Amino acid sequence: MYDAGLQLFTKDGKACARLYIKKTFTDWKDTFYYSWVGFYTSSQEAHKYYSTYQYAVNFEKMGDGTENFDVYQFKSELAIAPGVQVRFLMDKSYDKKLVETEPWKSG
């Protein structure tokens, strides 16, 4: 539906997210103005209790990205642990999920 992807990774022991936005998706900041990425653990009720979140338009752009995608990232203060996940949500609601990651696995 949208030319965007999401990746969970870790840096300095913290949960981080990368947004991949297709370079041809030039109005993504307007489209995703109220979109946000929520960090949670699989033991939480994901629709009610996010450990932390960040609006997509506030993610930091990372260099030139890839050939086809611009890459933006955010480092949370949530310690990475098995079960941590991230979701990319369309607007201020909790039910318009665009994409989510698999739970983090140790090792």
N, C-alpha and C. Protein backbone atom coordinates (compact mmCIF):
# COMPACT_ATOMS: atom_id res chain seq x y z
N MET A 1 0.82 -1.18 0.00
CA MET A 1 0.00 0.00 0.00
C MET A 1 0.88 1.26 0.00
N TYR A 2 1.83 1.36 0.92
CA TYR A 2 2.77 2.48 0.94
C TYR A 2 4.17 1.93 0.70
N ASP A 3 5.03 2.76 0.16
CA ASP A 3 6.39 2.34 -0.13
C ASP A 3 7.28 2.58 1.08
N ALA A 4 7.00 1.83 2.16
CA ALA A 4 7.73 1.98 3.41
C ALA A 4 7.94 0.62 4.06
N GLY A 5 9.06 0.48 4.76
CA GLY A 5 9.36 -0.75 5.49
C GLY A 5 9.89 -0.41 6.87
N LEU A 6 10.00 -1.40 7.72
CA LEU A 6 10.40 -1.21 9.10
C LEU A 6 11.36 -2.32 9.52
N GLN A 7 12.39 -1.96 10.27
CA GLN A 7 13.36 -2.93 10.76
C GLN A 7 13.68 -2.62 12.22
N LEU A 8 13.73 -3.66 13.04
CA LEU A 8 14.17 -3.57 14.43
C LEU A 8 15.63 -3.96 14.49
N PHE A 9 16.44 -3.17 15.19
CA PHE A 9 17.85 -3.52 15.40
C PHE A 9 18.28 -3.00 16.75
N THR A 10 19.49 -3.31 17.14
CA THR A 10 19.98 -2.86 18.44
C THR A 10 21.27 -2.08 18.28
N LYS A 11 21.43 -1.08 19.14
CA LYS A 11 22.66 -0.29 19.18
C LYS A 11 22.88 0.08 20.64
N ASP A 12 24.07 -0.21 21.14
CA ASP A 12 24.41 0.08 22.53
C ASP A 12 23.42 -0.54 23.51
N GLY A 13 22.88 -1.69 23.15
CA GLY A 13 21.96 -2.40 24.02
C GLY A 13 20.53 -1.86 24.04
N LYS A 14 20.24 -0.88 23.18
CA LYS A 14 18.90 -0.27 23.12
C LYS A 14 18.17 -0.71 21.86
N ALA A 15 16.85 -0.75 21.93
CA ALA A 15 16.02 -1.08 20.78
C ALA A 15 15.96 0.12 19.84
N CYS A 16 16.18 -0.14 18.56
CA CYS A 16 16.17 0.91 17.55
C CYS A 16 15.28 0.48 16.38
N ALA A 17 14.83 1.45 15.63
CA ALA A 17 14.00 1.17 14.47
C ALA A 17 14.54 1.94 13.27
N ARG A 18 14.46 1.28 12.12
CA ARG A 18 14.78 1.92 10.85
C ARG A 18 13.53 1.93 9.99
N LEU A 19 13.25 3.08 9.40
CA LEU A 19 12.20 3.20 8.40
C LEU A 19 12.85 3.28 7.04
N TYR A 20 12.35 2.50 6.12
CA TYR A 20 12.80 2.54 4.74
C TYR A 20 11.68 3.15 3.92
N ILE A 21 11.95 4.30 3.31
CA ILE A 21 10.96 5.01 2.51
C ILE A 21 11.45 5.03 1.07
N LYS A 22 10.63 4.50 0.17
CA LYS A 22 10.99 4.46 -1.25
C LYS A 22 11.30 5.88 -1.73
N LYS A 23 12.40 6.04 -2.44
CA LYS A 23 12.84 7.38 -2.88
C LYS A 23 11.80 8.07 -3.75
N THR A 24 10.96 7.31 -4.44
CA THR A 24 9.93 7.91 -5.27
C THR A 24 8.72 8.39 -4.46
N PHE A 25 8.65 8.05 -3.17
CA PHE A 25 7.55 8.44 -2.29
C PHE A 25 7.89 9.82 -1.73
N THR A 26 7.79 10.84 -2.55
CA THR A 26 8.29 12.17 -2.20
C THR A 26 7.42 12.90 -1.19
N ASP A 27 6.15 12.59 -1.08
CA ASP A 27 5.29 13.29 -0.12
C ASP A 27 5.05 12.46 1.14
N TRP A 28 5.99 11.58 1.50
CA TRP A 28 5.79 10.70 2.65
C TRP A 28 5.63 11.48 3.95
N LYS A 29 6.32 12.62 4.10
CA LYS A 29 6.20 13.38 5.35
C LYS A 29 4.80 13.96 5.52
N ASP A 30 4.14 14.31 4.42
CA ASP A 30 2.76 14.77 4.50
C ASP A 30 1.83 13.59 4.80
N THR A 31 2.01 12.49 4.10
CA THR A 31 1.19 11.30 4.28
C THR A 31 1.33 10.73 5.68
N PHE A 32 2.56 10.70 6.20
CA PHE A 32 2.84 10.11 7.50
C PHE A 32 3.01 11.15 8.61
N TYR A 33 2.42 12.32 8.45
CA TYR A 33 2.61 13.40 9.42
C TYR A 33 2.25 12.97 10.84
N TYR A 34 1.19 12.18 11.00
CA TYR A 34 0.77 11.72 12.32
C TYR A 34 1.16 10.27 12.58
N SER A 35 1.95 9.68 11.70
CA SER A 35 2.36 8.29 11.87
C SER A 35 3.44 8.18 12.92
N TRP A 36 3.47 7.04 13.60
CA TRP A 36 4.43 6.84 14.68
C TRP A 36 4.86 5.39 14.76
N VAL A 37 6.00 5.19 15.38
CA VAL A 37 6.54 3.86 15.60
C VAL A 37 6.53 3.61 17.10
N GLY A 38 5.86 2.54 17.51
CA GLY A 38 5.76 2.18 18.92
C GLY A 38 6.60 0.97 19.24
N PHE A 39 7.33 1.05 20.35
CA PHE A 39 8.17 -0.05 20.84
C PHE A 39 7.44 -0.72 22.00
N TYR A 40 7.41 -2.04 22.00
CA TYR A 40 6.75 -2.76 23.08
C TYR A 40 7.35 -4.15 23.21
N THR A 41 7.01 -4.83 24.28
CA THR A 41 7.43 -6.22 24.43
C THR A 41 6.22 -7.10 24.16
N SER A 42 6.45 -8.30 23.71
CA SER A 42 5.34 -9.18 23.35
C SER A 42 4.48 -9.55 24.56
N SER A 43 4.98 -9.29 25.78
CA SER A 43 4.18 -9.56 26.97
C SER A 43 3.21 -8.42 27.28
N GLN A 44 3.35 -7.29 26.61
CA GLN A 44 2.46 -6.16 26.83
C GLN A 44 1.25 -6.25 25.91
N GLU A 45 0.17 -5.61 26.29
CA GLU A 45 -0.96 -5.47 25.39
C GLU A 45 -0.57 -4.38 24.39
N ALA A 46 -0.20 -4.78 23.21
CA ALA A 46 0.37 -3.85 22.24
C ALA A 46 -0.57 -2.71 21.86
N HIS A 47 -1.84 -2.89 21.98
CA HIS A 47 -2.76 -1.82 21.60
C HIS A 47 -2.96 -0.79 22.69
N LYS A 48 -2.39 -1.02 23.86
CA LYS A 48 -2.61 -0.08 24.96
C LYS A 48 -1.33 0.42 25.60
N TYR A 49 -0.30 -0.39 25.62
CA TYR A 49 0.87 -0.07 26.43
C TYR A 49 2.16 -0.14 25.63
N TYR A 50 2.52 0.94 24.99
CA TYR A 50 3.81 1.00 24.31
C TYR A 50 4.84 1.52 25.31
N SER A 51 6.02 0.92 25.30
CA SER A 51 7.08 1.36 26.21
C SER A 51 7.57 2.74 25.84
N THR A 52 7.65 3.00 24.55
CA THR A 52 8.08 4.30 24.04
C THR A 52 7.62 4.39 22.60
N TYR A 53 7.63 5.58 22.05
CA TYR A 53 7.25 5.77 20.66
C TYR A 53 7.94 7.01 20.11
N GLN A 54 7.90 7.14 18.79
CA GLN A 54 8.44 8.33 18.13
C GLN A 54 7.66 8.55 16.85
N TYR A 55 7.36 9.80 16.55
CA TYR A 55 6.70 10.12 15.29
C TYR A 55 7.69 9.89 14.13
N ALA A 56 7.18 9.34 13.05
CA ALA A 56 8.02 8.98 11.90
C ALA A 56 8.75 10.18 11.31
N VAL A 57 8.10 11.32 11.28
CA VAL A 57 8.73 12.52 10.70
C VAL A 57 9.90 13.01 11.53
N ASN A 58 10.05 12.51 12.76
CA ASN A 58 11.17 12.91 13.63
C ASN A 58 12.35 11.94 13.56
N PHE A 59 12.24 10.89 12.78
CA PHE A 59 13.37 9.96 12.64
C PHE A 59 14.52 10.68 11.93
N GLU A 60 15.74 10.28 12.25
CA GLU A 60 16.94 10.90 11.67
C GLU A 60 17.30 10.22 10.35
N LYS A 61 17.50 11.02 9.30
CA LYS A 61 17.88 10.47 8.00
C LYS A 61 19.33 10.00 8.06
N MET A 62 19.58 8.82 7.51
CA MET A 62 20.90 8.21 7.55
C MET A 62 21.56 8.27 6.17
N GLY A 63 22.37 9.25 5.95
CA GLY A 63 23.14 9.37 4.71
C GLY A 63 22.29 9.30 3.46
N ASP A 64 22.82 8.64 2.44
CA ASP A 64 22.14 8.54 1.16
C ASP A 64 21.20 7.34 1.07
N GLY A 65 21.14 6.51 2.11
CA GLY A 65 20.28 5.34 2.08
C GLY A 65 20.78 4.28 1.13
N THR A 66 19.87 3.62 0.47
CA THR A 66 20.22 2.59 -0.51
C THR A 66 19.87 3.12 -1.89
N GLU A 67 20.04 2.29 -2.89
CA GLU A 67 19.73 2.70 -4.26
C GLU A 67 18.26 3.12 -4.41
N ASN A 68 17.35 2.39 -3.75
CA ASN A 68 15.93 2.64 -3.93
C ASN A 68 15.22 3.27 -2.73
N PHE A 69 15.87 3.24 -1.56
CA PHE A 69 15.21 3.70 -0.35
C PHE A 69 16.04 4.73 0.41
N ASP A 70 15.33 5.72 1.00
CA ASP A 70 15.94 6.57 2.01
C ASP A 70 15.75 5.85 3.33
N VAL A 71 16.74 5.96 4.21
CA VAL A 71 16.71 5.26 5.48
C VAL A 71 16.70 6.28 6.62
N TYR A 72 15.77 6.09 7.54
CA TYR A 72 15.62 6.95 8.70
C TYR A 72 15.65 6.06 9.93
N GLN A 73 16.23 6.54 11.02
CA GLN A 73 16.27 5.68 12.21
C GLN A 73 16.05 6.46 13.49
N PHE A 74 15.70 5.69 14.52
CA PHE A 74 15.45 6.22 15.86
C PHE A 74 15.98 5.22 16.87
N LYS A 75 16.70 5.72 17.87
CA LYS A 75 17.21 4.89 18.96
C LYS A 75 16.39 5.20 20.20
N SER A 76 15.72 4.18 20.73
CA SER A 76 14.90 4.37 21.92
C SER A 76 15.76 4.19 23.17
N GLU A 77 15.15 4.39 24.31
CA GLU A 77 15.81 4.11 25.59
C GLU A 77 15.40 2.75 26.14
N LEU A 78 14.61 2.01 25.38
CA LEU A 78 14.16 0.68 25.79
C LEU A 78 15.29 -0.33 25.60
N ALA A 79 15.65 -1.02 26.65
CA ALA A 79 16.70 -2.04 26.55
C ALA A 79 16.21 -3.17 25.66
N ILE A 80 17.07 -3.59 24.74
CA ILE A 80 16.72 -4.70 23.87
C ILE A 80 16.67 -5.99 24.69
N ALA A 81 15.67 -6.80 24.44
CA ALA A 81 15.48 -8.06 25.15
C ALA A 81 14.59 -8.95 24.30
N PRO A 82 14.63 -10.25 24.53
CA PRO A 82 13.74 -11.12 23.77
C PRO A 82 12.29 -10.67 23.90
N GLY A 83 11.58 -10.65 22.80
CA GLY A 83 10.18 -10.24 22.80
C GLY A 83 9.93 -8.80 22.42
N VAL A 84 10.95 -7.95 22.35
CA VAL A 84 10.75 -6.55 21.94
C VAL A 84 10.35 -6.52 20.47
N GLN A 85 9.37 -5.69 20.17
CA GLN A 85 8.89 -5.52 18.80
C GLN A 85 8.64 -4.04 18.54
N VAL A 86 8.48 -3.69 17.27
CA VAL A 86 8.07 -2.34 16.90
C VAL A 86 6.95 -2.42 15.88
N ARG A 87 6.08 -1.42 15.95
CA ARG A 87 4.98 -1.29 14.99
C ARG A 87 5.00 0.10 14.41
N PHE A 88 4.67 0.19 13.14
CA PHE A 88 4.53 1.45 12.44
C PHE A 88 3.04 1.67 12.25
N LEU A 89 2.51 2.73 12.87
CA LEU A 89 1.08 3.00 12.86
C LEU A 89 0.78 4.27 12.06
N MET A 90 -0.33 4.25 11.36
CA MET A 90 -0.66 5.31 10.40
C MET A 90 -0.96 6.65 11.05
N ASP A 91 -1.67 6.64 12.17
CA ASP A 91 -2.08 7.92 12.76
C ASP A 91 -2.15 7.81 14.27
N LYS A 92 -2.85 8.71 14.91
CA LYS A 92 -2.88 8.76 16.37
C LYS A 92 -3.60 7.57 17.00
N SER A 93 -4.35 6.82 16.19
CA SER A 93 -5.06 5.66 16.73
C SER A 93 -4.08 4.50 16.92
N TYR A 94 -4.58 3.45 17.52
CA TYR A 94 -3.75 2.27 17.79
C TYR A 94 -4.06 1.12 16.83
N ASP A 95 -5.03 1.29 15.95
CA ASP A 95 -5.48 0.15 15.16
C ASP A 95 -5.14 0.21 13.67
N LYS A 96 -4.54 1.27 13.20
CA LYS A 96 -4.19 1.37 11.78
C LYS A 96 -2.71 1.04 11.58
N LYS A 97 -2.39 -0.23 11.80
CA LYS A 97 -1.01 -0.71 11.72
C LYS A 97 -0.60 -0.87 10.26
N LEU A 98 0.53 -0.27 9.90
CA LEU A 98 1.06 -0.41 8.55
C LEU A 98 1.96 -1.63 8.44
N VAL A 99 2.80 -1.82 9.45
CA VAL A 99 3.74 -2.94 9.45
C VAL A 99 4.25 -3.14 10.87
N GLU A 100 4.68 -4.36 11.18
CA GLU A 100 5.29 -4.63 12.47
C GLU A 100 6.43 -5.63 12.27
N THR A 101 7.33 -5.67 13.24
CA THR A 101 8.45 -6.60 13.16
C THR A 101 8.16 -7.87 13.95
N GLU A 102 8.95 -8.87 13.71
CA GLU A 102 8.90 -10.08 14.52
C GLU A 102 9.53 -9.76 15.87
N PRO A 103 9.19 -10.53 16.92
CA PRO A 103 9.82 -10.30 18.23
C PRO A 103 11.33 -10.54 18.17
N TRP A 104 12.06 -9.72 18.90
CA TRP A 104 13.52 -9.86 18.99
C TRP A 104 13.86 -11.18 19.68
N LYS A 105 14.84 -11.86 19.12
CA LYS A 105 15.30 -13.12 19.73
C LYS A 105 16.75 -12.96 20.11
N SER A 106 17.12 -13.46 21.28
CA SER A 106 18.51 -13.33 21.72
C SER A 106 19.39 -14.31 20.95
N GLY A 107 20.67 -13.93 20.86
CA GLY A 107 21.67 -14.80 20.24
C GLY A 107 21.68 -14.63 18.81
